[in-house]
Structure formats: structure tokens, C-alpha cells
Amino acid sequence: MNIKGKIKNITPEMINWRHYIHQNPETAYNEKNTSDFISKKLEEFGIEVHQEIGKTGVVGIIQGKNTDSNKTVGIRADIDALPMTEKTNLPYASKNDGAMHACGHDGHTTMLLGAAKYLAETRNFNGTVHCIFQPAEEGGNAGAKAMIEDGLFKKFKIDSVWGIHNWPGVPVGQAVIHEGFAMAGGNIINLKIQGKGGHAAQPHHSNDPIVAAGFTITALQSLVSRQLDPFKNVVLSLTKIEGGSAFNVIPDSVTIGGTLRSTDKVLRDEMLKKIKNIAQNACAINNCSLDLEIRPGYPSTINDIKSAQLVKEIFQKIYGKSSINKDEKPTMTSEDFSYMLEQKPGAYIWLGAGEKSEKLHSPYYDFNDELLPIGANFWASLAENILSE
């Protein structure tokens, strides 16, 4: 594999960085230690550092050999962890209860740090590289949007933006780069069903929200299969239900939570109206009322076609013609890098994490360290190619 010598040499160092970040995970907008660790490393590399962009975000600026050039690129890594408990029993497993790097953001951060170190030492490019370390990607917290609203593209001249995510199931050394649509947009749905509580042995004196919740869940599960064109793409998943406090008490209310994912906003808006109508009717049958909260989700992630074609050429130039995986389809998962792609041209790349890798968001997941030099090398090569003379 064609890895630059300097990046090969720092791979053991990158592994140490990654394991430290993995052991000290921080969830959305709490990434103070992670942000300080990144900033300290960038300063050690001789890179100009800007902190607190979007609360805990960091931007490192690397000037090339030709400071007169006005060409720029932005390379982004997400830095937050998930609010979940790790079960890997690794020697570097999470020390923070209820927080875990189960999506590989520790690896994404490390790959960009490795590329930053190489680019700062060599500066074999013209113009400027902006290393964007973004908080709060997970859980609909929209750290990308927060950085943009805090002036990311106003304070810093960035012509194009690029992101990577490790992708279990795709062989190491391959990349998936979609031309156009890559990942779905989504909304978070919270349905509060209000009934009238009472004694479990006297249900006729109550309006049972548990029964209403059952009707609602069953009705909503038929929405996609019976009210949607089979050639359109929507996923509705109800993932949590809360209600009740005792075996012999009918509760006053029940809450159902879930997510709706789709490939275009118009279709998503239509489905949200249908969800409200179905849920209200299911509750009304049981003399219950509905309070529906729809939390705005991320837009669809859509790669700029020319940028996707360019990055394919660069990846193949480094790793060979067979390195682009053409079998992997777009996904219904969501990603807040979509906000950056709405502002600037660029592309989001899936980097193969191996066919035996544990799936993302699993309590047994661990980032594949074999990817560290591959990702760092790719970022460095991308910057050198885009910012060549």
C-alpha cells in the first residue's frame, strides 16, 4: 500500500493518540478534554489553532509553501462519543461511565491529526489547509451546524470541504464515494399519549394510554408498507417506549420515540403529516389525546458530483484502480456533515474498516487501527493534489 514514509513513521504515535481519545470519550458539546488534546497537538506541530468554534470545535490552519496562493481546502473530523456503555474489555476501554467511542470518531480525529502533522512538516502544497475538528455529530446535536452558525465559513476562507467515516463491511484499502446522494435525512419523533390513569382491576374508569400506544405502534408500522410508493425510500423506526410505574396501575401517559429517515425533504414532510394523522386517530379510538413533537433532523448528505469524481481519481491514484468499492449502496443513516455540503462543494467518503469489523454503535465496536495510516495518507494526498500548482 502506497503510504508516505513520514506517515508510516508516525503510525505508532497515532495509535497512542487514538487509544488515549478512546479511553477518554466525551459526548456532544462536552468534548473539553478532547478539544484541548487536539489543540495541544496542533500547537506542537506548529499549526495556528482556533478553539471554541461551535462551543468545543477546533480549527487548525496550515499554510503551504506559496503563501500568495488563495486556494484552500477544509478537512473535517468528528470528535464526539456516544452516550452508551462500552463492553469491549480492551486495555484502553472507556474510563468515562456512559460514554463510548462506538462510531470511530476517535479514529477520524486521529487520522486528521496525523495528516496535519505531516502537512505541517512538509508544506508541499500551495494555499491553505483548514483542519476542522467538529463536536456533537451524534444524536441530532448538529455540531456542524453550530460551527457554521459560529462563523466557520465566514471567519475562514474555505473553498471545499471533505469528510471521512470508517465503514465496517467494506474491505480495508477500499473506499465508497457516491456521486450525489450518499446518506438520508432524518427527523426525531416524540409522541406523548395522554390518557386517564386508574386501577388496573377497574380499566372502565380509565382511558388506557398503554392500549392507545399499542394501536399507534401497530398502525404506524403499516404506514411505509401500505401508504408509500414501493419505489420511494423511507424508514420509520420506533425505538423507545416509556410509561407506567406499577403492575396494578394504569398510567396517565405513555411516550413513544423514534426516527424517520428519507431521501428527500418533500417526501419526509409528507410522511410526518401522515404519522400525525395516524397517531391521532389511533389515540382517539381509546379516548386519549396526542402531543406530537418533531425535532428537526439532519438534511440528506449529497456529494457534489465533480468533487466525488475528483476524489475517486485521487484515491485510485494512491491505492489502485480496484480501490473504489462500487457495490455499497447509499444508506438511510444520517450525518450532519450534510450541513457543510449545503454550504460548500465537497464529498463524504466511506473508508473500508474490514469485513469482520463490529458494526457501528455496538458496545463491542473498536476502530480498526489499520486505517490510521491509510486515512492520514489520503487526507495528506488530497490536500497536496487539490492545492498543487
Protein backbone atom coordinates (compact mmCIF):
# COMPACT_ATOMS: atom_id res chain seq x y z
CA MET A 1 0.00 0.00 0.00
CA ASN A 2 1.37 3.38 -1.06
CA ILE A 3 1.76 5.16 2.31
CA LYS A 4 4.05 8.17 2.63
CA GLY A 5 7.20 7.44 4.62
CA LYS A 6 6.64 10.17 7.21
CA ILE A 7 3.13 8.90 7.88
CA LYS A 8 4.38 5.32 8.24
CA ASN A 9 6.88 6.57 10.81
CA ILE A 10 4.25 8.29 12.97
CA THR A 11 1.76 5.39 12.87
CA PRO A 12 2.76 4.08 16.35
CA GLU A 13 2.30 7.61 17.68
CA MET A 14 -1.13 7.85 16.02
CA ILE A 15 -2.17 4.57 17.64
CA ASN A 16 -1.26 6.00 21.05
CA TRP A 17 -3.30 9.15 20.34
CA ARG A 18 -6.28 7.09 19.23
CA HIS A 19 -6.20 4.86 22.29
CA TYR A 20 -5.99 7.90 24.59
CA ILE A 21 -9.02 9.51 22.91
CA HIS A 22 -10.90 6.21 23.02
CA GLN A 23 -10.21 5.85 26.74
CA ASN A 24 -11.45 9.38 27.44
CA PRO A 25 -14.68 9.75 25.44
CA GLU A 26 -16.85 12.83 25.74
CA THR A 27 -20.38 13.29 24.43
CA ALA A 28 -21.86 16.17 22.44
CA TYR A 29 -20.60 19.64 23.45
CA ASN A 30 -18.77 18.17 26.45
CA GLU A 31 -15.58 17.45 24.46
CA LYS A 32 -13.41 19.83 26.54
CA ASN A 33 -10.57 17.39 27.19
CA THR A 34 -10.68 16.13 23.60
CA SER A 35 -10.63 19.68 22.25
CA ASP A 36 -7.68 20.59 24.48
CA PHE A 37 -5.81 17.42 23.44
CA ILE A 38 -6.31 18.25 19.75
CA SER A 39 -5.28 21.87 20.23
CA LYS A 40 -2.15 20.92 22.14
CA LYS A 41 -1.09 18.50 19.39
CA LEU A 42 -1.71 21.06 16.65
CA GLU A 43 0.34 23.65 18.54
CA GLU A 44 3.16 21.11 18.92
CA PHE A 45 3.08 20.68 15.12
CA GLY A 46 3.45 24.46 14.63
CA ILE A 47 -0.12 24.95 13.43
CA GLU A 48 -2.28 28.03 14.07
CA VAL A 49 -5.15 26.98 16.36
CA HIS A 50 -8.64 28.41 16.83
CA GLN A 51 -10.76 26.92 19.63
CA GLU A 52 -14.41 27.21 20.71
CA ILE A 53 -15.84 27.32 17.18
CA GLY A 54 -19.30 25.86 17.74
CA LYS A 55 -18.66 25.55 21.51
CA THR A 56 -15.99 22.82 21.57
CA GLY A 57 -14.89 22.75 17.92
CA VAL A 58 -11.30 23.38 16.81
CA VAL A 59 -9.86 24.67 13.54
CA GLY A 60 -6.17 24.28 12.70
CA ILE A 61 -4.72 26.35 9.86
CA ILE A 62 -1.71 25.15 7.85
CA GLN A 63 -0.15 27.49 5.29
CA GLY A 64 1.55 25.98 2.26
CA LYS A 65 4.88 26.90 0.71
CA ASN A 66 3.28 29.51 -1.56
CA THR A 67 1.57 31.91 0.79
CA ASP A 68 0.40 34.04 -2.15
CA SER A 69 -1.99 31.35 -3.31
CA ASN A 70 -5.61 31.88 -2.27
CA LYS A 71 -6.65 28.27 -2.79
CA THR A 72 -7.99 26.47 0.31
CA VAL A 73 -9.49 23.18 1.45
CA GLY A 74 -11.31 22.17 4.62
CA ILE A 75 -10.90 18.65 6.02
CA ARG A 76 -13.32 17.65 8.76
CA ALA A 77 -13.24 15.02 11.53
CA ASP A 78 -15.96 14.48 14.16
CA ILE A 79 -14.71 14.25 17.75
CA ASP A 80 -17.68 13.29 19.98
CA ALA A 81 -18.58 9.95 21.56
CA LEU A 82 -21.92 8.22 22.05
CA PRO A 83 -23.86 8.16 25.36
CA MET A 84 -23.55 4.39 25.89
CA THR A 85 -21.58 1.89 27.95
CA GLU A 86 -18.60 0.08 26.44
CA LYS A 87 -18.36 -3.73 26.69
CA THR A 88 -15.09 -4.41 24.84
CA ASN A 89 -12.87 -5.03 27.92
CA LEU A 90 -9.98 -3.55 25.95
CA PRO A 91 -6.97 -2.27 27.93
CA TYR A 92 -7.84 1.20 26.64
CA ALA A 93 -11.63 0.89 27.12
CA SER A 94 -13.63 3.94 28.16
CA LYS A 95 -12.94 5.30 31.64
CA ASN A 96 -15.99 7.57 31.46
CA ASP A 97 -19.20 5.82 32.52
CA GLY A 98 -21.97 6.17 29.97
CA ALA A 99 -19.71 7.41 27.16
CA MET A 100 -18.05 5.37 24.42
CA HIS A 101 -16.40 5.88 21.04
CA ALA A 102 -18.66 3.33 19.34
CA CYS A 103 -18.68 5.04 15.95
CA GLY A 104 -14.96 5.58 15.33
CA HIS A 105 -14.74 9.32 15.87
CA ASP A 106 -11.58 8.69 17.89
CA GLY A 107 -10.06 7.21 14.71
CA HIS A 108 -11.37 10.01 12.47
CA THR A 109 -9.81 12.60 14.80
CA THR A 110 -6.50 10.73 14.87
CA MET A 111 -6.30 10.37 11.08
CA LEU A 112 -6.72 14.11 10.67
CA LEU A 113 -4.14 14.81 13.40
CA GLY A 114 -1.69 12.51 11.57
CA ALA A 115 -2.31 14.28 8.26
CA ALA A 116 -1.93 17.66 9.98
CA LYS A 117 1.44 16.68 11.42
CA TYR A 118 2.69 15.52 8.01
CA LEU A 119 1.36 18.61 6.19
CA ALA A 120 2.88 20.97 8.78
CA GLU A 121 6.30 19.31 8.42
CA THR A 122 6.35 19.16 4.61
CA ARG A 123 4.07 22.02 3.43
CA ASN A 124 4.28 20.52 -0.05
CA PHE A 125 1.25 22.44 -1.30
CA ASN A 126 0.14 25.96 -2.18
CA GLY A 127 -2.58 27.83 -0.33
CA THR A 128 -4.15 26.79 2.97
CA VAL A 129 -5.46 23.64 4.64
CA HIS A 130 -8.11 24.04 7.32
CA CYS A 131 -8.31 21.06 9.70
CA ILE A 132 -11.84 21.11 11.13
CA PHE A 133 -12.41 19.12 14.33
CA GLN A 134 -16.17 19.15 14.80
CA PRO A 135 -18.12 18.40 18.00
CA ALA A 136 -21.57 16.91 18.52
CA GLU A 137 -22.25 14.90 15.37
CA GLU A 138 -24.18 12.21 17.22
CA GLY A 139 -27.77 12.23 18.43
CA GLY A 140 -29.09 15.09 16.33
CA ASN A 141 -26.95 17.64 18.16
CA ALA A 142 -25.77 19.20 14.87
CA GLY A 143 -22.23 20.27 15.72
CA ALA A 144 -21.59 21.02 12.04
CA LYS A 145 -24.48 23.48 12.05
CA ALA A 146 -23.21 25.02 15.30
CA MET A 147 -19.76 25.60 13.78
CA ILE A 148 -21.31 27.17 10.67
CA GLU A 149 -23.54 29.44 12.77
CA ASP A 150 -20.45 30.39 14.78
CA GLY A 151 -18.80 31.65 11.59
CA LEU A 152 -16.83 28.67 10.27
CA PHE A 153 -17.17 29.74 6.65
CA LYS A 154 -17.12 33.48 7.43
CA LYS A 155 -14.05 33.56 9.68
CA PHE A 156 -12.12 31.15 7.45
CA LYS A 157 -11.97 31.13 3.66
CA ILE A 158 -12.74 27.52 2.75
CA ASP A 159 -13.35 26.62 -0.90
CA SER A 160 -14.34 22.96 -0.43
CA VAL A 161 -15.00 20.56 2.46
CA TRP A 162 -14.23 16.86 2.80
CA GLY A 163 -15.17 14.22 5.36
CA ILE A 164 -14.45 10.55 6.09
CA HIS A 165 -16.28 7.85 8.02
CA ASN A 166 -14.94 4.37 8.65
CA TRP A 167 -17.29 1.75 7.18
CA PRO A 168 -17.47 -1.79 8.60
CA GLY A 169 -18.21 -4.46 6.00
CA VAL A 170 -16.08 -2.83 3.28
CA PRO A 171 -12.56 -4.29 2.88
CA VAL A 172 -9.63 -2.31 4.26
CA GLY A 173 -7.96 -0.37 1.46
CA GLN A 174 -11.23 0.35 -0.35
CA ALA A 175 -13.36 3.48 -0.34
CA VAL A 176 -17.01 4.13 -1.17
CA ILE A 177 -17.56 7.51 -2.84
CA HIS A 178 -21.07 8.23 -4.09
CA GLU A 179 -21.69 10.72 -6.89
CA GLY A 180 -24.68 12.60 -5.48
CA PHE A 181 -26.92 11.12 -2.78
CA ALA A 182 -24.98 9.27 -0.05
CA MET A 183 -26.98 9.36 3.20
CA ALA A 184 -30.58 10.07 4.18
CA GLY A 185 -32.04 12.98 6.05
CA GLY A 186 -33.93 12.33 9.26
CA ASN A 187 -36.22 13.63 11.99
CA ILE A 188 -36.62 12.60 15.62
CA ILE A 189 -40.24 11.86 16.59
CA ASN A 190 -41.64 12.01 20.11
CA LEU A 191 -45.29 11.01 20.66
CA LYS A 192 -46.79 11.67 24.09
CA ILE A 193 -50.10 9.88 24.54
CA GLN A 194 -52.24 11.35 27.29
CA GLY A 195 -54.92 9.20 28.87
CA LYS A 196 -56.51 8.87 32.29
CA GLY A 197 -54.89 6.63 34.87
CA GLY A 198 -56.54 4.36 37.39
CA HIS A 199 -56.68 0.91 38.98
CA ALA A 200 -55.64 -1.98 36.72
CA ALA A 201 -58.60 -4.03 38.01
CA GLN A 202 -61.07 -1.28 37.03
CA PRO A 203 -60.00 -0.27 33.49
CA HIS A 204 -63.51 1.01 32.63
CA HIS A 205 -62.81 4.03 34.85
CA SER A 206 -59.67 4.90 32.85
CA ASN A 207 -58.58 5.89 29.36
CA ASP A 208 -55.69 3.49 28.91
CA PRO A 209 -52.67 5.08 27.14
CA ILE A 210 -50.89 1.68 27.08
CA VAL A 211 -53.57 0.29 24.75
CA ALA A 212 -53.51 3.52 22.70
CA ALA A 213 -49.74 3.16 22.37
CA GLY A 214 -50.16 -0.40 21.10
CA PHE A 215 -52.68 0.74 18.47
CA THR A 216 -50.39 3.61 17.48
CA ILE A 217 -47.29 1.44 17.07
CA THR A 218 -49.17 -1.17 15.01
CA ALA A 219 -50.78 1.46 12.79
CA LEU A 220 -47.52 3.31 12.17
CA GLN A 221 -45.71 0.10 11.22
CA SER A 222 -48.15 -0.30 8.30
CA LEU A 223 -47.58 3.27 7.09
CA VAL A 224 -44.50 2.55 4.99
CA SER A 225 -45.75 -0.79 3.63
CA ARG A 226 -49.27 0.39 2.73
CA GLN A 227 -49.24 4.16 2.13
CA LEU A 228 -45.90 4.69 0.39
CA ASP A 229 -44.89 4.12 -3.22
CA PRO A 230 -42.63 1.00 -3.07
CA PHE A 231 -40.09 2.77 -5.29
CA LYS A 232 -39.59 5.58 -2.76
CA ASN A 233 -37.20 5.33 0.18
CA VAL A 234 -38.37 5.83 3.76
CA VAL A 235 -37.51 4.15 7.05
CA LEU A 236 -39.68 4.66 10.14
CA SER A 237 -38.32 3.08 13.34
CA LEU A 238 -39.98 3.38 16.76
CA THR A 239 -37.16 2.76 19.18
CA LYS A 240 -38.33 3.59 22.70
CA ILE A 241 -41.48 3.46 24.82
CA GLU A 242 -41.87 4.80 28.34
CA GLY A 243 -44.82 4.61 30.69
CA GLY A 244 -46.17 3.05 33.85
CA SER A 245 -44.80 2.66 37.35
CA ALA A 246 -46.55 -0.38 38.85
CA PHE A 247 -48.15 -3.70 37.85
CA ASN A 248 -51.58 -2.70 39.16
CA VAL A 249 -51.75 0.93 37.98
CA ILE A 250 -52.88 2.18 34.58
CA PRO A 251 -50.67 5.24 33.90
CA ASP A 252 -51.81 8.66 32.83
CA SER A 253 -49.45 8.83 29.86
CA VAL A 254 -47.09 6.91 27.60
CA THR A 255 -44.30 8.29 25.42
CA ILE A 256 -43.11 6.70 22.17
CA GLY A 257 -39.89 7.82 20.49
CA GLY A 258 -38.37 7.07 17.13
CA THR A 259 -36.90 8.37 13.91
CA LEU A 260 -38.00 8.91 10.32
CA ARG A 261 -35.38 8.73 7.55
CA SER A 262 -35.91 9.54 3.88
CA THR A 263 -34.01 10.54 0.76
CA ASP A 264 -35.74 13.86 0.10
CA LYS A 265 -37.28 16.58 2.24
CA VAL A 266 -40.64 16.82 0.42
CA LEU A 267 -41.31 13.13 0.97
CA ARG A 268 -40.22 13.40 4.60
CA ASP A 269 -42.66 16.27 5.22
CA GLU A 270 -45.50 14.24 3.65
CA MET A 271 -44.72 11.26 5.87
CA LEU A 272 -44.62 13.40 9.01
CA LYS A 273 -48.17 14.61 8.26
CA LYS A 274 -49.31 11.01 7.81
CA ILE A 275 -47.65 9.98 11.09
CA LYS A 276 -49.53 12.70 12.95
CA ASN A 277 -52.88 11.77 11.38
CA ILE A 278 -52.50 8.02 12.04
CA ALA A 279 -51.32 8.50 15.63
CA GLN A 280 -54.12 10.96 16.47
CA ASN A 281 -56.77 8.55 15.15
CA ALA A 282 -55.23 5.56 16.99
CA CYS A 283 -55.31 7.53 20.23
CA ALA A 284 -58.82 8.89 19.68
CA ILE A 285 -60.22 5.33 19.41
CA ASN A 286 -59.06 4.84 23.02
CA ASN A 287 -60.25 8.26 24.26
CA CYS A 288 -56.67 9.51 24.53
CA SER A 289 -55.04 12.62 23.13
CA LEU A 290 -51.72 13.03 21.35
CA ASP A 291 -48.93 15.59 21.69
CA LEU A 292 -46.53 15.08 18.75
CA GLU A 293 -43.06 16.66 18.86
CA ILE A 294 -40.98 16.61 15.68
CA ARG A 295 -37.37 17.56 16.18
CA PRO A 296 -35.59 18.76 13.03
CA GLY A 297 -33.07 16.21 11.83
CA TYR A 298 -30.10 16.39 9.52
CA PRO A 299 -30.53 17.09 5.80
CA SER A 300 -29.61 14.41 3.27
CA THR A 301 -25.88 14.08 2.63
CA ILE A 302 -25.36 14.80 -1.06
CA ASN A 303 -21.87 14.78 -2.55
CA ASP A 304 -21.01 17.32 -5.23
CA ILE A 305 -20.64 15.15 -8.35
CA LYS A 306 -17.47 16.80 -9.67
CA SER A 307 -15.88 16.65 -6.23
CA ALA A 308 -16.80 12.96 -5.89
CA GLN A 309 -15.25 12.23 -9.29
CA LEU A 310 -12.10 14.14 -8.35
CA VAL A 311 -11.67 12.34 -5.03
CA LYS A 312 -12.19 8.97 -6.73
CA GLU A 313 -9.31 9.78 -9.07
CA ILE A 314 -7.08 10.78 -6.16
CA PHE A 315 -7.94 7.64 -4.15
CA GLN A 316 -7.29 5.38 -7.14
CA LYS A 317 -4.03 7.17 -7.83
CA ILE A 318 -2.85 6.27 -4.31
CA TYR A 319 -4.40 2.84 -3.75
CA GLY A 320 -5.03 1.45 -7.25
CA LYS A 321 -7.95 1.16 -9.70
CA SER A 322 -9.67 -1.59 -7.72
CA SER A 323 -9.73 0.53 -4.54
CA ILE A 324 -13.14 2.10 -5.25
CA ASN A 325 -15.97 -0.09 -3.98
CA LYS A 326 -18.93 0.23 -6.36
CA ASP A 327 -21.19 -2.30 -4.63
CA GLU A 328 -22.04 -0.40 -1.46
CA LYS A 329 -25.35 1.46 -1.81
CA PRO A 330 -26.26 4.77 -0.11
CA THR A 331 -27.57 4.38 3.43
CA MET A 332 -30.61 5.57 5.38
CA THR A 333 -28.41 6.66 8.29
CA SER A 334 -27.86 10.42 8.68
CA GLU A 335 -24.79 12.63 9.07
CA ASP A 336 -24.52 16.31 9.98
CA PHE A 337 -21.62 16.83 7.53
CA SER A 338 -24.62 17.41 5.23
CA TYR A 339 -24.84 20.97 6.60
CA MET A 340 -21.30 21.68 5.39
CA LEU A 341 -22.03 20.18 1.96
CA GLU A 342 -25.03 22.51 1.68
CA GLN A 343 -22.60 25.42 2.02
CA LYS A 344 -19.55 24.23 0.07
CA PRO A 345 -18.71 21.68 -2.66
CA GLY A 346 -17.01 18.53 -1.49
CA ALA A 347 -17.63 14.87 -0.73
CA TYR A 348 -18.11 12.42 2.12
CA ILE A 349 -16.02 9.26 1.82
CA TRP A 350 -16.61 5.88 3.46
CA LEU A 351 -13.29 4.23 4.27
CA GLY A 352 -13.41 0.42 4.45
CA ALA A 353 -12.94 -0.80 8.04
CA GLY A 354 -12.83 -4.51 7.22
CA GLU A 355 -15.39 -7.23 6.65
CA LYS A 356 -15.02 -8.62 10.18
CA SER A 357 -15.33 -5.28 11.97
CA GLU A 358 -18.06 -4.95 14.60
CA LYS A 359 -20.87 -2.72 13.35
CA LEU A 360 -21.09 0.96 14.28
CA HIS A 361 -22.85 1.88 17.55
CA SER A 362 -22.25 -1.57 19.02
CA PRO A 363 -20.97 -1.70 22.64
CA TYR A 364 -18.33 -4.14 21.31
CA TYR A 365 -17.10 -1.89 18.50
CA ASP A 366 -13.49 -0.71 18.27
CA PHE A 367 -11.95 1.37 15.48
CA ASN A 368 -9.55 -0.59 13.27
CA ASP A 369 -6.07 0.94 13.79
CA GLU A 370 -5.02 -0.42 10.40
CA LEU A 371 -6.96 2.51 8.92
CA LEU A 372 -4.95 5.23 10.68
CA PRO A 373 -2.08 5.49 8.16
CA ILE A 374 -4.48 4.90 5.25
CA GLY A 375 -6.74 7.79 6.27
CA ALA A 376 -3.92 10.16 7.23
CA ASN A 377 -2.13 9.40 3.96
CA PHE A 378 -5.32 10.00 1.98
CA TRP A 379 -6.00 13.37 3.67
CA ALA A 380 -2.43 14.50 3.04
CA SER A 381 -2.59 13.40 -0.60
CA LEU A 382 -5.97 15.08 -1.10
CA ALA A 383 -4.61 18.39 0.17
CA GLU A 384 -1.44 18.12 -1.95
CA ASN A 385 -3.40 17.25 -5.08
CA ILE A 386 -6.09 19.92 -4.74
CA LEU A 387 -3.58 22.59 -3.73
CA SER A 388 -0.94 21.72 -6.33
CA GLU A 389 0.30 24.42 -8.65
